[in-house]
């Protein structure tokens, strides 16, 4: 199991880097963001990442009731992930991102749960995890909503800068939590 401090640092840095680019080059950032929902290469990468991560989770899960069927389940889940890249190419990047958001939310909840009584700041990670889970569910059902949201958020350079600044502030807060409040967790 990953330490909460390491997870917070990785989440903070991972979220901060794109925001710095958004502040430095808002027009290029907006162009890249607008192309994301239909980016086939990113979709394949995210879908395969999500599939591999999900299969790894299933493989490591002690499900005694289904232990006989576990190899078939793993093969089936892997096939669904790979076949999605072939047969469901429309908004594949959004669907792959949704899978990764769901799995990231699970990792965040599982990592933070043992430390809930140690610091009230753990609730920041837990709440963020549930936001990611809800977003993952929502974008799985309605992938065009992410396209619409990204178009709205990148309609002009001012929106890109404000959004990037807000997300960077939150990312730096999460990074600071990993370096301070979660240091021993």
C-alpha atoms as a PDB file:
ATOM      1  CA  UNK A   1       0.000   0.000   0.000  1.00  0.00           C
ATOM      2  CA  UNK A   2       1.249   3.446  -0.921  1.00  0.00           C
ATOM      3  CA  UNK A   3       1.862   5.979   1.847  1.00  0.00           C
ATOM      4  CA  UNK A   4      -0.576   8.887   1.980  1.00  0.00           C
ATOM      5  CA  UNK A   5       2.287  11.382   1.953  1.00  0.00           C
ATOM      6  CA  UNK A   6       3.723   9.941  -1.281  1.00  0.00           C
ATOM      7  CA  UNK A   7       0.301   9.808  -2.906  1.00  0.00           C
ATOM      8  CA  UNK A   8      -0.356  13.460  -1.994  1.00  0.00           C
ATOM      9  CA  UNK A   9       2.999  14.534  -3.379  1.00  0.00           C
ATOM     10  CA  UNK A  10       2.430  12.630  -6.626  1.00  0.00           C
ATOM     11  CA  UNK A  11      -1.109  13.992  -6.972  1.00  0.00           C
ATOM     12  CA  UNK A  12       0.042  17.545  -6.256  1.00  0.00           C
ATOM     13  CA  UNK A  13       2.914  17.449  -8.737  1.00  0.00           C
ATOM     14  CA  UNK A  14       0.840  15.601 -11.342  1.00  0.00           C
ATOM     15  CA  UNK A  15      -1.916  18.179 -11.145  1.00  0.00           C
ATOM     16  CA  UNK A  16       0.402  21.192 -10.921  1.00  0.00           C
ATOM     17  CA  UNK A  17       2.517  20.579 -14.019  1.00  0.00           C
ATOM     18  CA  UNK A  18      -0.248  21.000 -16.627  1.00  0.00           C
ATOM     19  CA  UNK A  19      -1.504  24.102 -14.795  1.00  0.00           C
ATOM     20  CA  UNK A  20       1.909  25.769 -15.044  1.00  0.00           C
ATOM     21  CA  UNK A  21       1.789  25.147 -18.800  1.00  0.00           C
ATOM     22  CA  UNK A  22      -1.757  26.553 -18.885  1.00  0.00           C
ATOM     23  CA  UNK A  23      -0.571  29.733 -17.201  1.00  0.00           C
ATOM     24  CA  UNK A  24       2.544  30.059 -19.358  1.00  0.00           C
ATOM     25  CA  UNK A  25       0.937  29.268 -22.737  1.00  0.00           C
ATOM     26  CA  UNK A  26      -2.839  29.537 -22.415  1.00  0.00           C
ATOM     27  CA  UNK A  27      -3.573  29.443 -26.161  1.00  0.00           C
ATOM     28  CA  UNK A  28      -1.543  26.278 -26.794  1.00  0.00           C
ATOM     29  CA  UNK A  29      -2.927  24.700 -23.623  1.00  0.00           C
ATOM     30  CA  UNK A  30      -6.494  25.457 -24.760  1.00  0.00           C
ATOM     31  CA  UNK A  31      -5.861  23.950 -28.194  1.00  0.00           C
ATOM     32  CA  UNK A  32      -4.475  20.763 -26.690  1.00  0.00           C
ATOM     33  CA  UNK A  33      -7.317  20.498 -24.170  1.00  0.00           C
ATOM     34  CA  UNK A  34      -9.988  20.975 -26.860  1.00  0.00           C
ATOM     35  CA  UNK A  35      -8.481  18.153 -28.936  1.00  0.00           C
ATOM     36  CA  UNK A  36      -8.308  15.717 -26.000  1.00  0.00           C
ATOM     37  CA  UNK A  37     -11.830  14.161 -26.096  1.00  0.00           C
ATOM     38  CA  UNK A  38     -11.306  12.774 -29.612  1.00  0.00           C
ATOM     39  CA  UNK A  39      -7.566  12.088 -29.334  1.00  0.00           C
ATOM     40  CA  UNK A  40      -7.342   8.431 -30.334  1.00  0.00           C
ATOM     41  CA  UNK A  41      -3.735   7.949 -29.164  1.00  0.00           C
ATOM     42  CA  UNK A  42      -4.476   9.338 -25.719  1.00  0.00           C
ATOM     43  CA  UNK A  43      -7.634   7.252 -25.624  1.00  0.00           C
ATOM     44  CA  UNK A  44      -5.806   4.004 -26.348  1.00  0.00           C
ATOM     45  CA  UNK A  45      -3.132   4.849 -23.782  1.00  0.00           C
ATOM     46  CA  UNK A  46      -5.666   5.728 -21.070  1.00  0.00           C
ATOM     47  CA  UNK A  47      -7.931   2.767 -21.824  1.00  0.00           C
ATOM     48  CA  UNK A  48      -5.030   0.311 -21.732  1.00  0.00           C
ATOM     49  CA  UNK A  49      -3.681   1.931 -18.553  1.00  0.00           C
ATOM     50  CA  UNK A  50      -7.116   1.673 -16.953  1.00  0.00           C
ATOM     51  CA  UNK A  51      -7.564  -1.903 -18.147  1.00  0.00           C
ATOM     52  CA  UNK A  52      -4.163  -2.971 -16.845  1.00  0.00           C
ATOM     53  CA  UNK A  53      -4.737  -1.235 -13.527  1.00  0.00           C
ATOM     54  CA  UNK A  54      -8.212  -2.799 -13.142  1.00  0.00           C
ATOM     55  CA  UNK A  55      -6.953  -6.273 -14.034  1.00  0.00           C
ATOM     56  CA  UNK A  56      -4.113  -5.849 -11.524  1.00  0.00           C
ATOM     57  CA  UNK A  57      -6.663  -4.868  -8.842  1.00  0.00           C
ATOM     58  CA  UNK A  58      -8.844  -7.889  -9.626  1.00  0.00           C
ATOM     59  CA  UNK A  59      -5.818 -10.187  -9.595  1.00  0.00           C
ATOM     60  CA  UNK A  60      -4.751  -8.917  -6.155  1.00  0.00           C
ATOM     61  CA  UNK A  61      -8.260  -9.030  -4.695  1.00  0.00           C
ATOM     62  CA  UNK A  62      -8.876 -12.033  -2.413  1.00  0.00           C
ATOM     63  CA  UNK A  63     -12.255 -13.119  -3.734  1.00  0.00           C
ATOM     64  CA  UNK A  64     -12.599 -16.672  -2.441  1.00  0.00           C
ATOM     65  CA  UNK A  65     -16.139 -17.118  -3.770  1.00  0.00           C
ATOM     66  CA  UNK A  66     -14.933 -16.490  -7.314  1.00  0.00           C
ATOM     67  CA  UNK A  67     -11.394 -17.890  -7.142  1.00  0.00           C
ATOM     68  CA  UNK A  68     -12.231 -20.626  -9.680  1.00  0.00           C
ATOM     69  CA  UNK A  69     -13.509 -18.008 -12.130  1.00  0.00           C
ATOM     70  CA  UNK A  70     -10.764 -15.429 -11.492  1.00  0.00           C
ATOM     71  CA  UNK A  71      -8.622 -16.314 -14.541  1.00  0.00           C
ATOM     72  CA  UNK A  72     -11.688 -16.105 -16.797  1.00  0.00           C
ATOM     73  CA  UNK A  73     -12.755 -12.827 -15.219  1.00  0.00           C
ATOM     74  CA  UNK A  74      -9.293 -11.340 -15.739  1.00  0.00           C
ATOM     75  CA  UNK A  75      -9.223 -12.492 -19.357  1.00  0.00           C
ATOM     76  CA  UNK A  76     -12.708 -11.103 -19.916  1.00  0.00           C
ATOM     77  CA  UNK A  77     -11.906  -7.719 -18.382  1.00  0.00           C
ATOM     78  CA  UNK A  78      -8.683  -7.485 -20.397  1.00  0.00           C
ATOM     79  CA  UNK A  79     -10.584  -8.364 -23.575  1.00  0.00           C
ATOM     80  CA  UNK A  80     -13.224  -5.700 -22.880  1.00  0.00           C
ATOM     81  CA  UNK A  81     -10.504  -3.063 -22.417  1.00  0.00           C
ATOM     82  CA  UNK A  82      -8.623  -3.997 -25.579  1.00  0.00           C
ATOM     83  CA  UNK A  83     -11.758  -4.452 -27.671  1.00  0.00           C
ATOM     84  CA  UNK A  84     -13.022  -1.048 -26.506  1.00  0.00           C
ATOM     85  CA  UNK A  85     -10.013   0.488 -28.233  1.00  0.00           C
ATOM     86  CA  UNK A  86     -11.087  -1.188 -31.479  1.00  0.00           C
ATOM     87  CA  UNK A  87     -14.866  -0.942 -31.440  1.00  0.00           C
ATOM     88  CA  UNK A  88     -15.658   2.127 -29.278  1.00  0.00           C
ATOM     89  CA  UNK A  89     -13.344   4.749 -30.691  1.00  0.00           C
ATOM     90  CA  UNK A  90     -15.779   7.657 -30.339  1.00  0.00           C
ATOM     91  CA  UNK A  91     -14.685   9.657 -27.277  1.00  0.00           C
ATOM     92  CA  UNK A  92     -12.256   6.884 -26.356  1.00  0.00           C
ATOM     93  CA  UNK A  93      -9.995   9.356 -24.544  1.00  0.00           C
ATOM     94  CA  UNK A  94     -12.874  10.466 -22.324  1.00  0.00           C
ATOM     95  CA  UNK A  95     -13.913   6.882 -21.606  1.00  0.00           C
ATOM     96  CA  UNK A  96     -10.307   5.897 -20.825  1.00  0.00           C
ATOM     97  CA  UNK A  97      -9.941   8.936 -18.570  1.00  0.00           C
ATOM     98  CA  UNK A  98     -13.171   7.962 -16.805  1.00  0.00           C
ATOM     99  CA  UNK A  99     -11.793   4.496 -16.038  1.00  0.00           C
ATOM    100  CA  UNK A 100      -8.551   5.995 -14.727  1.00  0.00           C
ATOM    101  CA  UNK A 101     -10.478   8.528 -12.604  1.00  0.00           C
ATOM    102  CA  UNK A 102     -12.508   5.729 -11.026  1.00  0.00           C
ATOM    103  CA  UNK A 103      -9.388   3.720 -10.238  1.00  0.00           C
ATOM    104  CA  UNK A 104      -7.518   6.779  -8.957  1.00  0.00           C
ATOM    105  CA  UNK A 105     -10.471   7.573  -6.703  1.00  0.00           C
ATOM    106  CA  UNK A 106     -10.353   4.022  -5.331  1.00  0.00           C
ATOM    107  CA  UNK A 107      -6.614   4.340  -4.665  1.00  0.00           C
ATOM    108  CA  UNK A 108      -7.112   7.674  -2.893  1.00  0.00           C
ATOM    109  CA  UNK A 109      -9.951   6.362  -0.710  1.00  0.00           C
ATOM    110  CA  UNK A 110      -8.094   3.150   0.148  1.00  0.00           C
ATOM    111  CA  UNK A 111      -4.890   5.035   0.977  1.00  0.00           C
ATOM    112  CA  UNK A 112      -6.576   7.702   3.091  1.00  0.00           C
ATOM    113  CA  UNK A 113      -9.126   5.555   4.950  1.00  0.00           C
ATOM    114  CA  UNK A 114      -6.700   4.182   7.603  1.00  0.00           C
ATOM    115  CA  UNK A 115      -5.634   7.743   8.494  1.00  0.00           C
ATOM    116  CA  UNK A 116      -9.058   9.378   8.839  1.00  0.00           C
ATOM    117  CA  UNK A 117      -8.694   9.813  12.599  1.00  0.00           C
ATOM    118  CA  UNK A 118      -5.124  11.114  12.442  1.00  0.00           C
ATOM    119  CA  UNK A 119      -5.689  14.411  10.629  1.00  0.00           C
ATOM    120  CA  UNK A 120      -8.751  16.300   9.452  1.00  0.00           C
ATOM    121  CA  UNK A 121      -6.836  17.101   6.250  1.00  0.00           C
ATOM    122  CA  UNK A 122      -7.276  13.493   5.145  1.00  0.00           C
ATOM    123  CA  UNK A 123     -10.833  14.517   4.306  1.00  0.00           C
ATOM    124  CA  UNK A 124      -9.416  16.728   1.528  1.00  0.00           C
ATOM    125  CA  UNK A 125      -8.046  13.651  -0.234  1.00  0.00           C
ATOM    126  CA  UNK A 126     -11.186  11.634   0.503  1.00  0.00           C
ATOM    127  CA  UNK A 127     -13.520  14.354  -0.789  1.00  0.00           C
ATOM    128  CA  UNK A 128     -11.378  14.842  -3.898  1.00  0.00           C
ATOM    129  CA  UNK A 129     -11.495  11.083  -4.474  1.00  0.00           C
ATOM    130  CA  UNK A 130     -15.282  11.081  -4.428  1.00  0.00           C
ATOM    131  CA  UNK A 131     -15.370  14.032  -6.833  1.00  0.00           C
ATOM    132  CA  UNK A 132     -13.152  12.014  -9.205  1.00  0.00           C
ATOM    133  CA  UNK A 133     -15.389   8.965  -8.810  1.00  0.00           C
ATOM    134  CA  UNK A 134     -18.531  10.945  -9.575  1.00  0.00           C
ATOM    135  CA  UNK A 135     -16.799  12.557 -12.571  1.00  0.00           C
ATOM    136  CA  UNK A 136     -15.664   9.127 -13.771  1.00  0.00           C
ATOM    137  CA  UNK A 137     -19.205   7.784 -13.583  1.00  0.00           C
ATOM    138  CA  UNK A 138     -20.669  10.884 -15.238  1.00  0.00           C
ATOM    139  CA  UNK A 139     -18.152  10.938 -18.101  1.00  0.00           C
ATOM    140  CA  UNK A 140     -18.586   7.206 -18.669  1.00  0.00           C
ATOM    141  CA  UNK A 141     -22.310   7.713 -19.193  1.00  0.00           C
ATOM    142  CA  UNK A 142     -22.115  11.038 -21.062  1.00  0.00           C
ATOM    143  CA  UNK A 143     -18.621  11.474 -22.563  1.00  0.00           C
ATOM    144  CA  UNK A 144     -19.654  14.491 -24.645  1.00  0.00           C
ATOM    145  CA  UNK A 145     -20.170  16.437 -21.398  1.00  0.00           C
ATOM    146  CA  UNK A 146     -16.397  16.541 -20.873  1.00  0.00           C
ATOM    147  CA  UNK A 147     -15.967  17.946 -24.378  1.00  0.00           C
ATOM    148  CA  UNK A 148     -18.551  20.636 -23.590  1.00  0.00           C
ATOM    149  CA  UNK A 149     -16.967  21.401 -20.214  1.00  0.00           C
ATOM    150  CA  UNK A 150     -13.495  21.679 -21.755  1.00  0.00           C
ATOM    151  CA  UNK A 151     -14.789  23.966 -24.522  1.00  0.00           C
ATOM    152  CA  UNK A 152     -16.411  26.207 -21.917  1.00  0.00           C
ATOM    153  CA  UNK A 153     -13.292  26.267 -19.710  1.00  0.00           C
ATOM    154  CA  UNK A 154     -11.033  27.136 -22.637  1.00  0.00           C
ATOM    155  CA  UNK A 155     -13.311  29.602 -24.468  1.00  0.00           C
ATOM    156  CA  UNK A 156     -10.807  32.420 -23.947  1.00  0.00           C
ATOM    157  CA  UNK A 157      -7.367  32.937 -22.459  1.00  0.00           C
ATOM    158  CA  UNK A 158      -8.752  34.566 -19.332  1.00  0.00           C
ATOM    159  CA  UNK A 159     -10.767  31.453 -18.461  1.00  0.00           C
ATOM    160  CA  UNK A 160      -7.733  29.264 -19.097  1.00  0.00           C
ATOM    161  CA  UNK A 161      -5.579  31.403 -16.801  1.00  0.00           C
ATOM    162  CA  UNK A 162      -8.169  31.583 -14.008  1.00  0.00           C
ATOM    163  CA  UNK A 163      -8.885  27.832 -14.181  1.00  0.00           C
ATOM    164  CA  UNK A 164      -5.198  26.978 -14.282  1.00  0.00           C
ATOM    165  CA  UNK A 165      -4.465  29.292 -11.348  1.00  0.00           C
ATOM    166  CA  UNK A 166      -7.250  27.765  -9.237  1.00  0.00           C
ATOM    167  CA  UNK A 167      -6.179  24.194 -10.030  1.00  0.00           C
ATOM    168  CA  UNK A 168      -2.517  25.087  -9.401  1.00  0.00           C
ATOM    169  CA  UNK A 169      -3.431  26.532  -6.002  1.00  0.00           C
ATOM    170  CA  UNK A 170      -5.258  23.330  -5.066  1.00  0.00           C
ATOM    171  CA  UNK A 171      -2.390  21.193  -6.400  1.00  0.00           C
ATOM    172  CA  UNK A 172       0.141  23.127  -4.324  1.00  0.00           C
ATOM    173  CA  UNK A 173      -2.100  22.715  -1.261  1.00  0.00           C
ATOM    174  CA  UNK A 174      -2.220  18.929  -1.789  1.00  0.00           C
ATOM    175  CA  UNK A 175       1.558  18.894  -2.329  1.00  0.00           C
ATOM    176  CA  UNK A 176       2.055  20.886   0.891  1.00  0.00           C
ATOM    177  CA  UNK A 177      -0.148  18.395   2.757  1.00  0.00           C
ATOM    178  CA  UNK A 178       2.030  15.561   1.516  1.00  0.00           C
ATOM    179  CA  UNK A 179       5.159  17.355   2.701  1.00  0.00           C
ATOM    180  CA  UNK A 180       3.775  18.455   6.089  1.00  0.00           C
ATOM    181  CA  UNK A 181       0.529  17.105   7.564  1.00  0.00           C
ATOM    182  CA  UNK A 182       0.842  13.668   5.930  1.00  0.00           C
ATOM    183  CA  UNK A 183       4.628  13.361   6.390  1.00  0.00           C
ATOM    184  CA  UNK A 184       4.321  10.488   8.890  1.00  0.00           C
ATOM    185  CA  UNK A 185       1.391   8.758   7.162  1.00  0.00           C
END
